Amino acid sequence: MSIDPLLQLLRRKARHSHAELAELLSLSEDEVRAKLAAWEEDGTIVGYQAVIDPERAGDDDVSAFIEVKLTPERGGGFDRLALRIARFEPVTSCYLASGGYDLMVVVEGSDLREVARFVSEKLSTMDGVLSTATHFRLKTYKENGFLIDAESEPERLAVAP
């Protein structure tokens, strides 16, 4: 089953008015309002956000991608521990992933030391966490489908045979 066209539009630009969404999808405004209300009520839509260029916004926070290896729990797998990790304030995203690690956790802090303290004092010390590998974000090129600073896009390199 594919995602509803209304949800696809919202994913690309959540600031469309109900009237714009209705016109784009050949629906009435009441139909759009009803769908959105139902999705907000049942948890399909969990929030709305702006995608912000951190450099232009003067955001000096540090982001890190942390690979976490876990011991799965009997009867619950990774879910209980992943939800415990996801509830920490510095954690902005938490994903179950394939590959050498079980979770990919995105953490934000005011500086490198704050992120390092979180990893060493909170995350690594949790029962069930076997190991972590931390990778710091150096620059953002694309966020949630939006190119960041696309105006300064470099010229295309010549294709050599």
N, C-alpha and C. Protein backbone atom coordinates (compact mmCIF):
# COMPACT_ATOMS: atom_id res chain seq x y z
N MET A 1 0.85 -1.19 0.00
CA MET A 1 0.00 0.00 0.00
C MET A 1 0.89 1.24 0.00
N SER A 2 0.61 2.19 -0.88
CA SER A 2 1.42 3.40 -0.93
C SER A 2 0.84 4.47 -0.02
N ILE A 3 1.68 5.44 0.30
CA ILE A 3 1.29 6.51 1.20
C ILE A 3 0.26 7.42 0.52
N ASP A 4 -0.68 7.90 1.29
CA ASP A 4 -1.74 8.79 0.81
C ASP A 4 -1.11 10.04 0.19
N PRO A 5 -1.61 10.52 -0.95
CA PRO A 5 -1.06 11.72 -1.60
C PRO A 5 -1.07 12.95 -0.69
N LEU A 6 -2.04 13.06 0.18
CA LEU A 6 -2.08 14.18 1.11
C LEU A 6 -0.89 14.13 2.06
N LEU A 7 -0.57 12.95 2.57
CA LEU A 7 0.60 12.81 3.44
C LEU A 7 1.89 13.10 2.67
N GLN A 8 1.96 12.71 1.40
CA GLN A 8 3.14 13.00 0.59
C GLN A 8 3.35 14.51 0.45
N LEU A 9 2.28 15.24 0.20
CA LEU A 9 2.38 16.70 0.09
C LEU A 9 2.83 17.33 1.40
N LEU A 10 2.27 16.87 2.50
CA LEU A 10 2.64 17.42 3.80
C LEU A 10 4.10 17.14 4.13
N ARG A 11 4.59 15.98 3.73
CA ARG A 11 5.98 15.63 3.98
C ARG A 11 6.91 16.60 3.26
N ARG A 12 6.53 17.04 2.06
CA ARG A 12 7.36 17.96 1.28
C ARG A 12 7.20 19.41 1.75
N LYS A 13 5.99 19.79 2.16
CA LYS A 13 5.75 21.17 2.60
C LYS A 13 4.51 21.19 3.50
N ALA A 14 4.75 21.24 4.79
CA ALA A 14 3.65 21.17 5.76
C ALA A 14 2.92 22.50 5.91
N ARG A 15 3.41 23.55 5.28
CA ARG A 15 2.78 24.86 5.43
C ARG A 15 1.71 25.15 4.39
N HIS A 16 1.35 24.19 3.57
CA HIS A 16 0.23 24.39 2.66
C HIS A 16 -1.03 24.68 3.48
N SER A 17 -1.85 25.61 3.02
CA SER A 17 -3.13 25.84 3.68
C SER A 17 -4.08 24.70 3.32
N HIS A 18 -5.15 24.57 4.07
CA HIS A 18 -6.16 23.55 3.74
C HIS A 18 -6.72 23.78 2.34
N ALA A 19 -6.89 25.03 1.99
CA ALA A 19 -7.42 25.36 0.66
C ALA A 19 -6.44 24.92 -0.44
N GLU A 20 -5.14 25.17 -0.24
CA GLU A 20 -4.14 24.76 -1.23
C GLU A 20 -4.10 23.24 -1.36
N LEU A 21 -4.13 22.54 -0.23
CA LEU A 21 -4.11 21.08 -0.26
C LEU A 21 -5.34 20.54 -0.98
N ALA A 22 -6.50 21.13 -0.69
CA ALA A 22 -7.74 20.69 -1.32
C ALA A 22 -7.66 20.88 -2.83
N GLU A 23 -7.16 22.04 -3.26
CA GLU A 23 -7.06 22.31 -4.69
C GLU A 23 -6.07 21.35 -5.38
N LEU A 24 -4.93 21.14 -4.76
CA LEU A 24 -3.90 20.27 -5.35
C LEU A 24 -4.39 18.82 -5.50
N LEU A 25 -5.29 18.39 -4.60
CA LEU A 25 -5.72 17.00 -4.59
C LEU A 25 -7.16 16.80 -5.06
N SER A 26 -7.79 17.87 -5.53
CA SER A 26 -9.19 17.81 -5.96
C SER A 26 -10.10 17.27 -4.86
N LEU A 27 -9.91 17.79 -3.66
CA LEU A 27 -10.74 17.45 -2.51
C LEU A 27 -11.39 18.73 -2.00
N SER A 28 -12.36 18.59 -1.13
CA SER A 28 -12.91 19.77 -0.47
C SER A 28 -12.06 20.09 0.75
N GLU A 29 -12.13 21.34 1.21
CA GLU A 29 -11.38 21.73 2.42
C GLU A 29 -11.84 20.91 3.62
N ASP A 30 -13.14 20.60 3.68
CA ASP A 30 -13.66 19.79 4.79
C ASP A 30 -13.06 18.39 4.78
N GLU A 31 -12.89 17.81 3.57
CA GLU A 31 -12.27 16.48 3.47
C GLU A 31 -10.82 16.53 3.96
N VAL A 32 -10.10 17.58 3.57
CA VAL A 32 -8.71 17.73 4.01
C VAL A 32 -8.65 17.88 5.53
N ARG A 33 -9.50 18.77 6.08
CA ARG A 33 -9.53 18.96 7.53
C ARG A 33 -9.84 17.66 8.26
N ALA A 34 -10.80 16.91 7.76
CA ALA A 34 -11.20 15.65 8.40
C ALA A 34 -10.07 14.63 8.37
N LYS A 35 -9.40 14.50 7.23
CA LYS A 35 -8.28 13.55 7.13
C LYS A 35 -7.17 13.94 8.08
N LEU A 36 -6.80 15.22 8.08
CA LEU A 36 -5.73 15.66 8.96
C LEU A 36 -6.09 15.44 10.43
N ALA A 37 -7.29 15.78 10.81
CA ALA A 37 -7.72 15.59 12.19
C ALA A 37 -7.67 14.12 12.59
N ALA A 38 -8.12 13.24 11.70
CA ALA A 38 -8.09 11.80 11.98
C ALA A 38 -6.66 11.31 12.13
N TRP A 39 -5.76 11.74 11.25
CA TRP A 39 -4.36 11.31 11.32
C TRP A 39 -3.66 11.86 12.56
N GLU A 40 -3.99 13.09 12.96
CA GLU A 40 -3.41 13.64 14.18
C GLU A 40 -3.93 12.87 15.40
N GLU A 41 -5.20 12.53 15.37
CA GLU A 41 -5.83 11.79 16.48
C GLU A 41 -5.27 10.38 16.62
N ASP A 42 -5.08 9.67 15.49
CA ASP A 42 -4.63 8.27 15.59
C ASP A 42 -3.11 8.13 15.63
N GLY A 43 -2.37 9.25 15.56
CA GLY A 43 -0.92 9.20 15.66
C GLY A 43 -0.19 8.99 14.35
N THR A 44 -0.90 8.98 13.22
CA THR A 44 -0.23 8.89 11.92
C THR A 44 0.65 10.13 11.72
N ILE A 45 0.10 11.30 12.00
CA ILE A 45 0.87 12.55 12.00
C ILE A 45 1.24 12.82 13.45
N VAL A 46 2.55 12.80 13.74
CA VAL A 46 2.99 13.00 15.12
C VAL A 46 3.52 14.40 15.38
N GLY A 47 3.70 15.21 14.33
CA GLY A 47 4.15 16.58 14.52
C GLY A 47 4.48 17.24 13.20
N TYR A 48 4.76 18.53 13.27
CA TYR A 48 5.14 19.33 12.11
C TYR A 48 6.42 20.07 12.47
N GLN A 49 7.36 20.17 11.52
CA GLN A 49 8.63 20.82 11.79
C GLN A 49 9.09 21.65 10.60
N ALA A 50 9.92 22.63 10.91
CA ALA A 50 10.63 23.37 9.87
C ALA A 50 12.00 22.73 9.70
N VAL A 51 12.52 22.71 8.48
CA VAL A 51 13.88 22.26 8.22
C VAL A 51 14.75 23.51 8.17
N ILE A 52 15.74 23.58 9.05
CA ILE A 52 16.52 24.80 9.25
C ILE A 52 17.98 24.57 8.88
N ASP A 53 18.57 25.52 8.16
CA ASP A 53 19.99 25.50 7.87
C ASP A 53 20.71 25.95 9.14
N PRO A 54 21.44 25.05 9.81
CA PRO A 54 22.06 25.41 11.09
C PRO A 54 23.08 26.54 10.98
N GLU A 55 23.80 26.62 9.88
CA GLU A 55 24.80 27.69 9.73
C GLU A 55 24.15 29.05 9.62
N ARG A 56 23.11 29.16 8.81
CA ARG A 56 22.41 30.45 8.65
C ARG A 56 21.66 30.85 9.91
N ALA A 57 21.22 29.86 10.67
CA ALA A 57 20.48 30.15 11.90
C ALA A 57 21.41 30.43 13.07
N GLY A 58 22.72 30.26 12.87
CA GLY A 58 23.67 30.49 13.95
C GLY A 58 23.63 29.39 15.00
N ASP A 59 23.24 28.21 14.60
CA ASP A 59 23.14 27.07 15.51
C ASP A 59 24.51 26.43 15.67
N ASP A 60 25.10 26.56 16.86
CA ASP A 60 26.42 25.99 17.12
C ASP A 60 26.35 24.63 17.80
N ASP A 61 25.15 24.08 17.96
CA ASP A 61 25.03 22.78 18.60
C ASP A 61 25.77 21.72 17.79
N VAL A 62 26.12 20.65 18.47
CA VAL A 62 26.85 19.54 17.87
C VAL A 62 25.88 18.38 17.72
N SER A 63 25.92 17.73 16.57
CA SER A 63 25.10 16.53 16.34
C SER A 63 26.02 15.34 16.15
N ALA A 64 25.58 14.20 16.66
CA ALA A 64 26.35 12.97 16.49
C ALA A 64 25.42 11.84 16.11
N PHE A 65 25.94 10.95 15.27
CA PHE A 65 25.25 9.72 14.89
C PHE A 65 25.94 8.61 15.66
N ILE A 66 25.19 7.92 16.48
CA ILE A 66 25.79 6.91 17.34
C ILE A 66 25.23 5.55 16.97
N GLU A 67 26.13 4.66 16.57
CA GLU A 67 25.75 3.29 16.29
C GLU A 67 25.79 2.55 17.63
N VAL A 68 24.73 1.81 17.92
CA VAL A 68 24.63 1.12 19.21
C VAL A 68 24.38 -0.36 18.98
N LYS A 69 25.21 -1.19 19.59
CA LYS A 69 25.04 -2.65 19.54
C LYS A 69 24.38 -3.06 20.85
N LEU A 70 23.27 -3.81 20.74
CA LEU A 70 22.47 -4.20 21.90
C LEU A 70 22.41 -5.72 22.05
N THR A 71 22.07 -6.14 23.26
CA THR A 71 21.69 -7.52 23.50
C THR A 71 20.17 -7.55 23.47
N PRO A 72 19.56 -8.29 22.53
CA PRO A 72 18.09 -8.33 22.48
C PRO A 72 17.53 -9.00 23.73
N GLU A 73 16.37 -8.51 24.15
CA GLU A 73 15.72 -9.08 25.33
C GLU A 73 14.76 -10.18 24.93
N ARG A 74 14.67 -11.20 25.76
CA ARG A 74 13.73 -12.28 25.52
C ARG A 74 12.31 -11.72 25.55
N GLY A 75 11.55 -12.00 24.53
CA GLY A 75 10.16 -11.57 24.49
C GLY A 75 9.95 -10.14 24.02
N GLY A 76 11.00 -9.35 23.93
CA GLY A 76 10.81 -7.97 23.52
C GLY A 76 11.78 -7.50 22.47
N GLY A 77 12.79 -8.32 22.20
CA GLY A 77 13.78 -7.93 21.20
C GLY A 77 14.49 -6.65 21.61
N PHE A 78 14.51 -5.67 20.71
CA PHE A 78 15.21 -4.42 20.96
C PHE A 78 14.28 -3.30 21.42
N ASP A 79 12.97 -3.52 21.33
CA ASP A 79 12.01 -2.43 21.51
C ASP A 79 12.10 -1.72 22.86
N ARG A 80 12.12 -2.46 23.95
CA ARG A 80 12.09 -1.82 25.28
C ARG A 80 13.33 -0.96 25.50
N LEU A 81 14.48 -1.50 25.16
CA LEU A 81 15.73 -0.75 25.34
C LEU A 81 15.81 0.43 24.38
N ALA A 82 15.37 0.24 23.13
CA ALA A 82 15.38 1.33 22.16
C ALA A 82 14.48 2.48 22.62
N LEU A 83 13.33 2.16 23.18
CA LEU A 83 12.43 3.21 23.68
C LEU A 83 13.03 3.92 24.89
N ARG A 84 13.73 3.20 25.75
CA ARG A 84 14.42 3.84 26.88
C ARG A 84 15.45 4.83 26.38
N ILE A 85 16.22 4.43 25.38
CA ILE A 85 17.24 5.31 24.80
C ILE A 85 16.58 6.51 24.13
N ALA A 86 15.51 6.28 23.38
CA ALA A 86 14.83 7.35 22.65
C ALA A 86 14.27 8.43 23.58
N ARG A 87 13.98 8.08 24.81
CA ARG A 87 13.39 9.05 25.76
C ARG A 87 14.40 10.03 26.34
N PHE A 88 15.69 9.79 26.19
CA PHE A 88 16.68 10.73 26.70
C PHE A 88 16.56 12.06 25.96
N GLU A 89 16.66 13.15 26.68
CA GLU A 89 16.50 14.50 26.12
C GLU A 89 17.45 14.79 24.94
N PRO A 90 18.73 14.42 25.01
CA PRO A 90 19.62 14.74 23.89
C PRO A 90 19.34 13.94 22.62
N VAL A 91 18.57 12.86 22.72
CA VAL A 91 18.30 12.02 21.56
C VAL A 91 17.21 12.66 20.71
N THR A 92 17.56 12.97 19.44
CA THR A 92 16.57 13.58 18.55
C THR A 92 15.94 12.55 17.62
N SER A 93 16.63 11.45 17.35
CA SER A 93 16.09 10.37 16.52
C SER A 93 16.71 9.06 16.97
N CYS A 94 15.96 7.98 16.78
CA CYS A 94 16.44 6.65 17.16
C CYS A 94 15.82 5.64 16.20
N TYR A 95 16.67 4.87 15.50
CA TYR A 95 16.20 3.94 14.47
C TYR A 95 16.77 2.55 14.72
N LEU A 96 15.96 1.51 14.52
CA LEU A 96 16.46 0.15 14.43
C LEU A 96 17.05 0.02 13.03
N ALA A 97 18.24 -0.54 12.93
CA ALA A 97 18.93 -0.58 11.64
C ALA A 97 19.52 -1.96 11.38
N SER A 98 19.77 -2.23 10.12
CA SER A 98 20.46 -3.46 9.75
C SER A 98 21.95 -3.18 9.73
N GLY A 99 22.74 -4.23 9.68
CA GLY A 99 24.19 -4.06 9.59
C GLY A 99 24.88 -4.48 10.88
N GLY A 100 26.04 -3.92 11.11
CA GLY A 100 26.87 -4.30 12.25
C GLY A 100 26.37 -3.81 13.58
N TYR A 101 25.50 -2.82 13.59
CA TYR A 101 24.93 -2.28 14.82
C TYR A 101 23.42 -2.40 14.76
N ASP A 102 22.78 -2.30 15.92
CA ASP A 102 21.33 -2.51 15.99
C ASP A 102 20.55 -1.20 15.93
N LEU A 103 21.06 -0.15 16.55
CA LEU A 103 20.37 1.14 16.56
C LEU A 103 21.26 2.21 15.96
N MET A 104 20.63 3.17 15.31
CA MET A 104 21.30 4.40 14.90
C MET A 104 20.60 5.50 15.70
N VAL A 105 21.36 6.16 16.57
CA VAL A 105 20.82 7.17 17.47
C VAL A 105 21.42 8.52 17.09
N VAL A 106 20.59 9.52 16.94
CA VAL A 106 21.05 10.87 16.64
C VAL A 106 20.92 11.69 17.92
N VAL A 107 22.02 12.32 18.30
CA VAL A 107 22.09 13.06 19.57
C VAL A 107 22.55 14.48 19.28
N GLU A 108 21.98 15.45 20.02
CA GLU A 108 22.44 16.83 19.91
C GLU A 108 22.88 17.32 21.27
N GLY A 109 23.92 18.15 21.28
CA GLY A 109 24.43 18.76 22.50
C GLY A 109 25.04 20.11 22.21
N SER A 110 25.35 20.85 23.26
CA SER A 110 25.90 22.19 23.06
C SER A 110 27.36 22.15 22.62
N ASP A 111 28.06 21.05 22.92
CA ASP A 111 29.44 20.91 22.48
C ASP A 111 29.84 19.43 22.49
N LEU A 112 31.07 19.15 22.04
CA LEU A 112 31.55 17.77 21.96
C LEU A 112 31.54 17.09 23.32
N ARG A 113 31.93 17.82 24.36
CA ARG A 113 32.00 17.23 25.70
C ARG A 113 30.62 16.79 26.19
N GLU A 114 29.61 17.58 25.89
CA GLU A 114 28.26 17.22 26.33
C GLU A 114 27.80 15.91 25.67
N VAL A 115 28.06 15.77 24.38
CA VAL A 115 27.70 14.54 23.69
C VAL A 115 28.53 13.38 24.23
N ALA A 116 29.83 13.60 24.43
CA ALA A 116 30.70 12.55 24.96
C ALA A 116 30.24 12.12 26.35
N ARG A 117 29.85 13.07 27.19
CA ARG A 117 29.34 12.74 28.54
C ARG A 117 28.08 11.88 28.44
N PHE A 118 27.17 12.25 27.53
CA PHE A 118 25.96 11.46 27.37
C PHE A 118 26.31 10.02 26.99
N VAL A 119 27.22 9.86 26.03
CA VAL A 119 27.58 8.51 25.57
C VAL A 119 28.25 7.73 26.69
N SER A 120 29.21 8.35 27.38
CA SER A 120 29.97 7.61 28.39
C SER A 120 29.23 7.40 29.70
N GLU A 121 28.38 8.35 30.10
CA GLU A 121 27.72 8.25 31.40
C GLU A 121 26.31 7.68 31.34
N LYS A 122 25.61 7.88 30.24
CA LYS A 122 24.22 7.42 30.14
C LYS A 122 24.07 6.22 29.22
N LEU A 123 24.46 6.40 27.96
CA LEU A 123 24.20 5.39 26.94
C LEU A 123 25.03 4.13 27.15
N SER A 124 26.33 4.27 27.25
CA SER A 124 27.22 3.10 27.34
C SER A 124 27.04 2.30 28.63
N THR A 125 26.53 2.93 29.66
CA THR A 125 26.39 2.26 30.95
C THR A 125 25.07 1.51 31.11
N MET A 126 24.18 1.62 30.13
CA MET A 126 22.88 0.95 30.23
C MET A 126 23.03 -0.56 30.08
N ASP A 127 22.31 -1.31 30.90
CA ASP A 127 22.28 -2.75 30.75
C ASP A 127 21.72 -3.08 29.36
N GLY A 128 22.39 -3.96 28.66
CA GLY A 128 21.96 -4.35 27.33
C GLY A 128 22.71 -3.65 26.21
N VAL A 129 23.42 -2.55 26.53
CA VAL A 129 24.22 -1.86 25.52
C VAL A 129 25.61 -2.51 25.52
N LEU A 130 25.96 -3.12 24.39
CA LEU A 130 27.24 -3.81 24.28
C LEU A 130 28.36 -2.89 23.82
N SER A 131 28.07 -2.01 22.84
CA SER A 131 29.10 -1.10 22.34
C SER A 131 28.45 0.06 21.60
N THR A 132 29.24 1.11 21.44
CA THR A 132 28.78 2.28 20.68
C THR A 132 29.92 2.75 19.77
N ALA A 133 29.55 3.43 18.69
CA ALA A 133 30.52 4.10 17.82
C ALA A 133 29.90 5.45 17.47
N THR A 134 30.61 6.52 17.79
CA THR A 134 30.09 7.87 17.62
C THR A 134 30.72 8.55 16.42
N HIS A 135 29.87 9.15 15.59
CA HIS A 135 30.31 9.90 14.41
C HIS A 135 29.70 11.30 14.51
N PHE A 136 30.53 12.34 14.49
CA PHE A 136 30.03 13.71 14.60
C PHE A 136 29.69 14.28 13.24
N ARG A 137 28.56 15.00 13.19
CA ARG A 137 28.16 15.68 11.95
C ARG A 137 29.09 16.86 11.74
N LEU A 138 29.66 16.95 10.56
CA LEU A 138 30.55 18.05 10.25
C LEU A 138 29.84 19.13 9.43
N LYS A 139 29.00 18.71 8.50
CA LYS A 139 28.27 19.64 7.65
C LYS A 139 27.02 18.94 7.14
N THR A 140 25.95 19.69 6.96
CA THR A 140 24.70 19.14 6.44
C THR A 140 24.53 19.58 4.99
N TYR A 141 24.32 18.60 4.11
CA TYR A 141 24.07 18.89 2.69
C TYR A 141 22.59 18.75 2.35
N LYS A 142 21.92 17.81 3.03
CA LYS A 142 20.51 17.58 2.77
C LYS A 142 19.87 17.11 4.06
N GLU A 143 18.70 17.64 4.38
CA GLU A 143 18.00 17.30 5.62
C GLU A 143 16.53 17.06 5.30
N ASN A 144 16.03 15.89 5.63
CA ASN A 144 14.62 15.55 5.41
C ASN A 144 14.13 15.89 4.01
N GLY A 145 14.97 15.64 3.01
CA GLY A 145 14.58 15.86 1.62
C GLY A 145 14.86 17.25 1.09
N PHE A 146 15.40 18.15 1.92
CA PHE A 146 15.67 19.52 1.50
C PHE A 146 17.17 19.75 1.40
N LEU A 147 17.62 20.29 0.25
CA LEU A 147 19.02 20.66 0.11
C LEU A 147 19.30 21.87 0.98
N ILE A 148 20.42 21.83 1.66
CA ILE A 148 20.84 22.95 2.51
C ILE A 148 21.88 23.75 1.73
N ASP A 149 21.70 25.05 1.66
CA ASP A 149 22.62 25.94 0.98
C ASP A 149 22.83 25.52 -0.47
N ALA A 150 21.75 25.23 -1.17
CA ALA A 150 21.82 24.77 -2.56
C ALA A 150 22.32 25.87 -3.50
N GLU A 151 22.23 27.15 -3.07
CA GLU A 151 22.67 28.25 -3.92
C GLU A 151 24.17 28.20 -4.18
N SER A 152 24.93 27.70 -3.22
CA SER A 152 26.38 27.66 -3.40
C SER A 152 26.82 26.32 -3.97
N GLU A 153 25.92 25.70 -4.72
CA GLU A 153 26.22 24.40 -5.32
C GLU A 153 27.42 24.54 -6.27
N PRO A 154 28.41 23.66 -6.11
CA PRO A 154 29.58 23.76 -6.97
C PRO A 154 29.26 23.41 -8.41
N GLU A 155 30.10 23.89 -9.31
CA GLU A 155 29.91 23.56 -10.72
C GLU A 155 30.07 22.07 -10.91
N ARG A 156 29.41 21.52 -11.91
CA ARG A 156 29.53 20.10 -12.22
C ARG A 156 30.93 19.82 -12.72
N LEU A 157 31.46 18.72 -12.27
CA LEU A 157 32.77 18.31 -12.74
C LEU A 157 32.64 17.71 -14.15
N ALA A 158 33.65 17.94 -14.97
CA ALA A 158 33.65 17.37 -16.31
C ALA A 158 33.76 15.86 -16.20
N VAL A 159 33.03 15.16 -17.04
CA VAL A 159 33.07 13.71 -17.06
C VAL A 159 34.24 13.29 -17.94
N ALA A 160 35.14 12.52 -17.36
CA ALA A 160 36.30 12.04 -18.11
C ALA A 160 36.05 10.61 -18.57
N PRO A 161 36.49 10.27 -19.76
CA PRO A 161 36.27 8.91 -20.27
C PRO A 161 37.11 7.89 -19.54
